[in-house]
């Protein structure tokens, strides 16, 4: 009985191993065929900005991958920060930018983030803006 049970377990393990190997070769994950987003900078420092002054900055990025890059969602941590970006796919080697407008009507420190989600290998990137609005 022990011999039968051990044989059955061995056969089951052998079949499971072969099936797992076949599934892996049938559905390969091609890591090389991915978009990749590379930003020139991840943080923008406004320094001191006058109240109601220019609160616009740009984050330039390049698709350094091998397939088109699509930004699916770009959102800010606050309603006072509004990002704008192209919804069109960015081909490998091409560059574009995300324009961020911070509302400078309130005096005080600036410390906000913008989250960029895409089909890139690094699917979520966090951008930061900082500075101070003065009278």
N, C-alpha and C. Protein backbone atom coordinates (compact mmCIF):
# COMPACT_ATOMS: atom_id res chain seq x y z
N UNK A 1 0.82 -1.19 0.00
CA UNK A 1 0.00 0.00 0.00
C UNK A 1 0.87 1.27 0.00
N UNK A 2 1.95 1.23 0.83
CA UNK A 2 2.84 2.38 0.88
C UNK A 2 3.50 2.61 -0.48
N UNK A 3 3.90 1.53 -1.09
CA UNK A 3 4.55 1.63 -2.39
C UNK A 3 3.60 2.23 -3.43
N UNK A 4 2.34 1.82 -3.41
CA UNK A 4 1.34 2.34 -4.34
C UNK A 4 1.13 3.84 -4.10
N UNK A 5 1.00 4.21 -2.84
CA UNK A 5 0.77 5.62 -2.49
C UNK A 5 1.97 6.49 -2.90
N UNK A 6 3.19 6.03 -2.65
CA UNK A 6 4.38 6.77 -3.04
C UNK A 6 4.48 6.89 -4.57
N UNK A 7 4.14 5.82 -5.26
CA UNK A 7 4.16 5.85 -6.73
C UNK A 7 3.15 6.84 -7.26
N UNK A 8 1.96 6.88 -6.69
CA UNK A 8 0.91 7.80 -7.12
C UNK A 8 1.35 9.25 -6.90
N UNK A 9 1.96 9.52 -5.74
CA UNK A 9 2.44 10.88 -5.44
C UNK A 9 3.54 11.27 -6.42
N UNK A 10 4.45 10.35 -6.71
CA UNK A 10 5.53 10.62 -7.64
C UNK A 10 4.99 10.93 -9.03
N UNK A 11 4.03 10.14 -9.50
CA UNK A 11 3.44 10.35 -10.83
C UNK A 11 2.71 11.69 -10.88
N UNK A 12 1.97 12.00 -9.82
CA UNK A 12 1.24 13.27 -9.75
C UNK A 12 2.22 14.45 -9.80
N UNK A 13 3.31 14.38 -9.03
CA UNK A 13 4.30 15.46 -9.00
C UNK A 13 4.97 15.61 -10.36
N UNK A 14 5.26 14.49 -11.00
CA UNK A 14 5.88 14.53 -12.32
C UNK A 14 4.94 15.19 -13.34
N UNK A 15 3.66 14.83 -13.32
CA UNK A 15 2.69 15.42 -14.25
C UNK A 15 2.52 16.91 -13.98
N UNK A 16 2.46 17.29 -12.71
CA UNK A 16 2.30 18.69 -12.36
C UNK A 16 3.50 19.51 -12.83
N UNK A 17 4.70 18.98 -12.66
CA UNK A 17 5.92 19.68 -13.09
C UNK A 17 5.96 19.87 -14.59
N UNK A 18 5.55 18.86 -15.37
CA UNK A 18 5.54 18.96 -16.82
C UNK A 18 4.51 19.98 -17.27
N UNK A 19 3.32 19.98 -16.66
CA UNK A 19 2.28 20.95 -17.01
C UNK A 19 2.72 22.37 -16.70
N UNK A 20 3.38 22.57 -15.58
CA UNK A 20 3.84 23.91 -15.23
C UNK A 20 4.89 24.38 -16.22
N UNK A 21 5.77 23.47 -16.64
CA UNK A 21 6.80 23.83 -17.61
C UNK A 21 6.18 24.18 -18.96
N UNK A 22 5.17 23.43 -19.39
CA UNK A 22 4.51 23.72 -20.66
C UNK A 22 3.79 25.05 -20.60
N UNK A 23 3.12 25.35 -19.50
CA UNK A 23 2.41 26.63 -19.36
C UNK A 23 3.39 27.79 -19.43
N UNK A 24 4.57 27.60 -18.85
CA UNK A 24 5.56 28.66 -18.85
C UNK A 24 6.11 28.91 -20.26
N UNK A 25 6.31 27.88 -21.04
CA UNK A 25 6.84 28.07 -22.39
C UNK A 25 5.77 28.56 -23.35
N UNK A 26 4.50 28.27 -23.08
CA UNK A 26 3.43 28.71 -23.96
C UNK A 26 3.08 30.17 -23.74
N UNK A 27 3.28 30.69 -22.53
CA UNK A 27 2.96 32.08 -22.20
C UNK A 27 4.20 32.81 -21.70
N UNK A 28 5.18 33.02 -22.55
CA UNK A 28 6.39 33.69 -22.07
C UNK A 28 6.11 35.16 -21.77
N UNK A 29 6.76 35.65 -20.74
CA UNK A 29 6.66 37.07 -20.41
C UNK A 29 7.87 37.74 -21.00
N UNK A 30 7.65 38.53 -22.04
CA UNK A 30 8.76 39.19 -22.71
C UNK A 30 9.02 40.54 -22.05
N UNK A 31 9.94 40.55 -21.10
CA UNK A 31 10.24 41.76 -20.35
C UNK A 31 10.87 42.83 -21.24
N UNK A 32 11.55 42.42 -22.30
CA UNK A 32 12.21 43.38 -23.18
C UNK A 32 11.21 44.19 -23.99
N UNK A 33 10.01 43.68 -24.22
CA UNK A 33 9.00 44.39 -25.02
C UNK A 33 8.08 45.17 -24.10
N UNK A 34 8.63 46.20 -23.47
CA UNK A 34 7.83 47.03 -22.58
C UNK A 34 8.17 48.49 -22.82
N UNK A 35 7.22 49.34 -22.48
CA UNK A 35 7.49 50.77 -22.47
C UNK A 35 8.24 51.08 -21.19
N UNK A 36 9.01 52.13 -21.21
CA UNK A 36 9.69 52.60 -20.00
C UNK A 36 9.69 54.12 -20.03
N UNK A 37 9.31 54.71 -18.91
CA UNK A 37 9.23 56.16 -18.81
C UNK A 37 10.44 56.67 -18.02
N UNK A 38 11.14 57.66 -18.61
CA UNK A 38 12.30 58.25 -17.97
C UNK A 38 12.09 59.76 -17.90
N UNK A 39 12.02 60.29 -16.68
CA UNK A 39 11.83 61.73 -16.48
C UNK A 39 13.17 62.43 -16.37
N UNK A 40 13.23 63.68 -16.88
CA UNK A 40 14.44 64.49 -16.71
C UNK A 40 14.63 64.85 -15.25
N UNK A 41 13.52 65.09 -14.55
CA UNK A 41 13.57 65.39 -13.11
C UNK A 41 12.29 64.86 -12.48
N UNK A 42 12.35 64.54 -11.21
CA UNK A 42 11.18 64.04 -10.49
C UNK A 42 10.66 65.07 -9.50
N UNK A 43 11.36 66.20 -9.38
CA UNK A 43 10.97 67.24 -8.43
C UNK A 43 11.20 68.61 -9.04
N UNK A 44 10.25 69.52 -8.79
CA UNK A 44 10.41 70.90 -9.24
C UNK A 44 10.32 71.80 -8.02
N UNK A 45 11.32 72.67 -7.86
CA UNK A 45 11.34 73.63 -6.76
C UNK A 45 11.06 75.02 -7.33
N UNK A 46 9.90 75.56 -6.97
CA UNK A 46 9.53 76.90 -7.42
C UNK A 46 10.37 77.97 -6.72
N UNK A 47 10.94 77.64 -5.58
CA UNK A 47 11.60 78.66 -4.77
C UNK A 47 10.51 79.53 -4.17
N UNK A 48 10.70 80.84 -4.21
CA UNK A 48 9.66 81.75 -3.74
C UNK A 48 8.89 82.29 -4.94
N UNK A 49 7.58 82.16 -4.89
CA UNK A 49 6.69 82.64 -5.95
C UNK A 49 5.77 83.70 -5.34
N UNK A 50 5.60 84.80 -6.04
CA UNK A 50 4.69 85.83 -5.54
C UNK A 50 3.24 85.34 -5.61
N UNK A 51 2.46 85.80 -4.67
CA UNK A 51 1.03 85.47 -4.65
C UNK A 51 0.40 85.84 -5.98
N UNK A 52 -0.39 84.96 -6.54
CA UNK A 52 -1.02 85.08 -7.85
C UNK A 52 0.00 85.12 -8.99
N UNK A 53 1.20 84.65 -8.72
CA UNK A 53 2.26 84.60 -9.74
C UNK A 53 2.14 83.34 -10.59
N UNK A 54 3.13 83.13 -11.43
CA UNK A 54 3.14 82.00 -12.35
C UNK A 54 3.44 80.70 -11.59
N UNK A 55 2.49 79.80 -11.58
CA UNK A 55 2.65 78.52 -10.89
C UNK A 55 2.76 77.36 -11.84
N UNK A 56 3.28 77.60 -13.05
CA UNK A 56 3.35 76.56 -14.07
C UNK A 56 4.77 75.97 -14.12
N UNK A 57 4.84 74.66 -14.22
CA UNK A 57 6.13 73.98 -14.44
C UNK A 57 5.90 72.79 -15.35
N UNK A 58 7.00 72.22 -15.87
CA UNK A 58 6.92 71.08 -16.78
C UNK A 58 7.81 69.95 -16.30
N UNK A 59 7.30 68.76 -16.48
CA UNK A 59 8.09 67.56 -16.24
C UNK A 59 8.24 66.85 -17.58
N UNK A 60 9.46 66.90 -18.15
CA UNK A 60 9.71 66.27 -19.45
C UNK A 60 10.06 64.80 -19.23
N UNK A 61 9.55 63.96 -20.14
CA UNK A 61 9.82 62.52 -20.06
C UNK A 61 10.03 61.95 -21.45
N UNK A 62 10.67 60.77 -21.49
CA UNK A 62 10.98 60.08 -22.73
C UNK A 62 10.57 58.63 -22.59
N UNK A 63 10.07 58.06 -23.68
CA UNK A 63 9.78 56.63 -23.72
C UNK A 63 11.09 55.93 -24.09
N UNK A 64 11.76 55.37 -23.11
CA UNK A 64 13.03 54.68 -23.35
C UNK A 64 12.82 53.18 -23.52
N UNK A 65 11.57 52.76 -23.67
CA UNK A 65 11.26 51.35 -23.89
C UNK A 65 11.19 51.01 -25.36
N UNK A 66 10.59 49.85 -25.64
CA UNK A 66 10.54 49.36 -27.03
C UNK A 66 9.13 49.28 -27.60
N UNK A 67 8.13 49.68 -26.84
CA UNK A 67 6.75 49.71 -27.32
C UNK A 67 6.15 51.07 -26.97
N UNK A 68 5.03 51.46 -27.59
CA UNK A 68 4.41 52.75 -27.29
C UNK A 68 4.05 52.90 -25.80
N UNK A 69 4.28 54.09 -25.28
CA UNK A 69 3.99 54.43 -23.89
C UNK A 69 2.67 55.17 -23.84
N UNK A 70 1.78 54.75 -22.93
CA UNK A 70 0.49 55.41 -22.76
C UNK A 70 0.34 55.80 -21.29
N UNK A 71 0.15 57.10 -21.03
CA UNK A 71 -0.13 57.55 -19.67
C UNK A 71 -1.62 57.38 -19.44
N UNK A 72 -1.98 56.47 -18.57
CA UNK A 72 -3.40 56.17 -18.34
C UNK A 72 -4.05 57.12 -17.34
N UNK A 73 -3.27 57.59 -16.37
CA UNK A 73 -3.83 58.48 -15.35
C UNK A 73 -2.73 59.35 -14.78
N UNK A 74 -3.01 60.64 -14.68
CA UNK A 74 -2.10 61.58 -14.02
C UNK A 74 -2.96 62.37 -13.06
N UNK A 75 -2.67 62.24 -11.77
CA UNK A 75 -3.51 62.91 -10.78
C UNK A 75 -2.65 63.60 -9.73
N UNK A 76 -3.18 64.68 -9.18
CA UNK A 76 -2.44 65.44 -8.17
C UNK A 76 -3.00 65.13 -6.79
N UNK A 77 -2.21 65.49 -5.78
CA UNK A 77 -2.61 65.23 -4.40
C UNK A 77 -3.61 66.26 -3.89
N UNK A 78 -3.89 67.29 -4.70
CA UNK A 78 -4.75 68.38 -4.24
C UNK A 78 -5.39 69.06 -5.45
N UNK A 79 -6.55 69.64 -5.24
CA UNK A 79 -7.25 70.35 -6.31
C UNK A 79 -6.57 71.64 -6.73
N UNK A 80 -5.61 72.11 -5.94
CA UNK A 80 -4.88 73.35 -6.25
C UNK A 80 -3.78 73.10 -7.28
N UNK A 81 -3.57 71.84 -7.64
CA UNK A 81 -2.53 71.47 -8.60
C UNK A 81 -3.19 70.73 -9.75
N UNK A 82 -3.07 71.27 -10.97
CA UNK A 82 -3.75 70.69 -12.12
C UNK A 82 -2.72 70.25 -13.17
N UNK A 83 -2.62 68.92 -13.41
CA UNK A 83 -1.71 68.43 -14.45
C UNK A 83 -2.41 68.32 -15.80
N UNK A 84 -1.65 68.54 -16.88
CA UNK A 84 -2.14 68.35 -18.25
C UNK A 84 -1.11 67.52 -18.99
N UNK A 85 -1.59 66.55 -19.79
CA UNK A 85 -0.69 65.66 -20.51
C UNK A 85 -1.38 65.15 -21.76
N UNK A 86 -0.61 64.60 -22.67
CA UNK A 86 -1.15 64.05 -23.91
C UNK A 86 -1.70 62.66 -23.66
N UNK A 87 -2.86 62.40 -24.20
CA UNK A 87 -3.48 61.07 -24.08
C UNK A 87 -3.04 60.14 -25.21
N UNK A 88 -2.28 60.68 -26.17
CA UNK A 88 -1.82 59.89 -27.31
C UNK A 88 -0.63 59.02 -26.93
N UNK A 89 -0.51 57.83 -27.54
CA UNK A 89 0.65 56.97 -27.27
C UNK A 89 1.95 57.67 -27.70
N UNK A 90 2.99 57.47 -26.91
CA UNK A 90 4.31 58.04 -27.20
C UNK A 90 5.20 56.91 -27.70
N UNK A 91 5.68 57.04 -28.92
CA UNK A 91 6.48 55.99 -29.54
C UNK A 91 7.86 55.90 -28.88
N UNK A 92 8.53 54.75 -28.97
CA UNK A 92 9.86 54.59 -28.40
C UNK A 92 10.82 55.66 -28.90
N UNK A 93 11.56 56.26 -27.98
CA UNK A 93 12.52 57.31 -28.32
C UNK A 93 11.95 58.71 -28.33
N UNK A 94 10.63 58.83 -28.35
CA UNK A 94 10.02 60.16 -28.37
C UNK A 94 9.90 60.74 -26.96
N UNK A 95 9.78 62.07 -26.90
CA UNK A 95 9.66 62.78 -25.63
C UNK A 95 8.38 63.61 -25.61
N UNK A 96 7.91 63.89 -24.42
CA UNK A 96 6.74 64.74 -24.21
C UNK A 96 6.88 65.36 -22.82
N UNK A 97 5.85 66.08 -22.38
CA UNK A 97 5.92 66.66 -21.05
C UNK A 97 4.54 66.71 -20.40
N UNK A 98 4.57 66.75 -19.09
CA UNK A 98 3.37 66.95 -18.28
C UNK A 98 3.49 68.37 -17.75
N UNK A 99 2.48 69.20 -18.02
CA UNK A 99 2.46 70.57 -17.53
C UNK A 99 1.64 70.60 -16.25
N UNK A 100 2.20 71.20 -15.22
CA UNK A 100 1.54 71.28 -13.92
C UNK A 100 1.31 72.75 -13.59
N UNK A 101 0.08 73.09 -13.23
CA UNK A 101 -0.25 74.47 -12.83
C UNK A 101 -0.66 74.44 -11.37
N UNK A 102 0.11 75.13 -10.55
CA UNK A 102 -0.20 75.27 -9.12
C UNK A 102 -0.89 76.61 -8.91
N UNK A 103 -1.99 76.61 -8.16
CA UNK A 103 -2.74 77.83 -7.87
C UNK A 103 -2.01 78.60 -6.78
N UNK A 104 -1.45 79.74 -7.14
CA UNK A 104 -0.64 80.53 -6.21
C UNK A 104 -1.43 81.62 -5.50
N UNK A 105 -2.74 81.47 -5.39
CA UNK A 105 -3.54 82.51 -4.74
C UNK A 105 -3.41 82.50 -3.22
N UNK A 106 -3.02 81.40 -2.63
CA UNK A 106 -2.85 81.31 -1.17
C UNK A 106 -1.38 81.39 -0.79
N UNK A 107 -1.09 82.19 0.23
CA UNK A 107 0.28 82.35 0.72
C UNK A 107 0.62 81.14 1.60
N UNK A 108 1.87 80.65 1.45
CA UNK A 108 2.31 79.54 2.29
C UNK A 108 3.19 78.57 1.52
N UNK A 109 3.58 77.49 2.19
CA UNK A 109 4.47 76.52 1.55
C UNK A 109 3.76 75.70 0.48
N UNK A 110 4.52 75.27 -0.50
CA UNK A 110 4.04 74.37 -1.55
C UNK A 110 4.72 73.03 -1.33
N UNK A 111 3.94 71.99 -1.20
CA UNK A 111 4.48 70.64 -1.05
C UNK A 111 3.42 69.67 -1.56
N UNK A 112 3.39 69.44 -2.86
CA UNK A 112 2.36 68.61 -3.49
C UNK A 112 3.00 67.51 -4.33
N UNK A 113 2.20 66.50 -4.64
CA UNK A 113 2.70 65.41 -5.49
C UNK A 113 1.75 65.17 -6.65
N UNK A 114 2.30 64.64 -7.72
CA UNK A 114 1.55 64.26 -8.92
C UNK A 114 1.91 62.80 -9.19
N UNK A 115 0.90 61.94 -9.28
CA UNK A 115 1.12 60.52 -9.52
C UNK A 115 0.84 60.23 -10.99
N UNK A 116 1.80 59.60 -11.66
CA UNK A 116 1.69 59.27 -13.08
C UNK A 116 1.58 57.76 -13.20
N UNK A 117 0.48 57.29 -13.81
CA UNK A 117 0.29 55.86 -14.04
C UNK A 117 0.32 55.59 -15.54
N UNK A 118 1.02 54.51 -15.92
CA UNK A 118 1.19 54.22 -17.35
C UNK A 118 1.38 52.72 -17.55
N UNK A 119 1.59 52.35 -18.80
CA UNK A 119 1.86 50.95 -19.15
C UNK A 119 3.35 50.64 -19.11
N UNK A 120 4.14 51.50 -18.51
CA UNK A 120 5.59 51.32 -18.44
C UNK A 120 5.96 50.22 -17.45
N UNK A 121 7.18 49.76 -17.56
CA UNK A 121 7.70 48.76 -16.64
C UNK A 121 7.56 49.26 -15.21
N UNK A 122 7.93 50.52 -14.97
CA UNK A 122 7.66 51.18 -13.69
C UNK A 122 6.33 51.89 -13.88
N UNK A 123 5.25 51.22 -13.50
CA UNK A 123 3.91 51.68 -13.88
C UNK A 123 3.41 52.90 -13.11
N UNK A 124 4.03 53.21 -11.97
CA UNK A 124 3.60 54.37 -11.18
C UNK A 124 4.83 55.18 -10.77
N UNK A 125 4.79 56.48 -11.12
CA UNK A 125 5.89 57.39 -10.78
C UNK A 125 5.30 58.57 -10.03
N UNK A 126 5.98 59.02 -9.00
CA UNK A 126 5.51 60.15 -8.21
C UNK A 126 6.41 61.35 -8.47
N UNK A 127 5.80 62.45 -8.90
CA UNK A 127 6.50 63.71 -9.12
C UNK A 127 6.19 64.65 -7.97
N UNK A 128 7.12 65.52 -7.62
CA UNK A 128 6.91 66.44 -6.50
C UNK A 128 7.11 67.88 -6.93
N UNK A 129 6.30 68.77 -6.34
CA UNK A 129 6.53 70.21 -6.50
C UNK A 129 6.64 70.80 -5.09
N UNK A 130 7.54 71.77 -4.96
CA UNK A 130 7.71 72.41 -3.66
C UNK A 130 8.10 73.86 -3.86
N UNK A 131 8.03 74.61 -2.81
CA UNK A 131 8.38 76.02 -2.84
C UNK A 131 7.59 76.77 -1.79
N UNK A 132 7.45 78.08 -2.02
CA UNK A 132 6.73 78.92 -1.06
C UNK A 132 6.09 80.08 -1.79
N UNK A 133 4.81 80.31 -1.52
CA UNK A 133 4.09 81.46 -2.08
C UNK A 133 4.18 82.58 -1.06
N UNK A 134 4.69 83.74 -1.50
CA UNK A 134 4.85 84.91 -0.62
C UNK A 134 4.02 86.08 -1.13
N UNK A 135 3.71 87.02 -0.22
CA UNK A 135 2.96 88.22 -0.61
C UNK A 135 3.80 89.13 -1.47
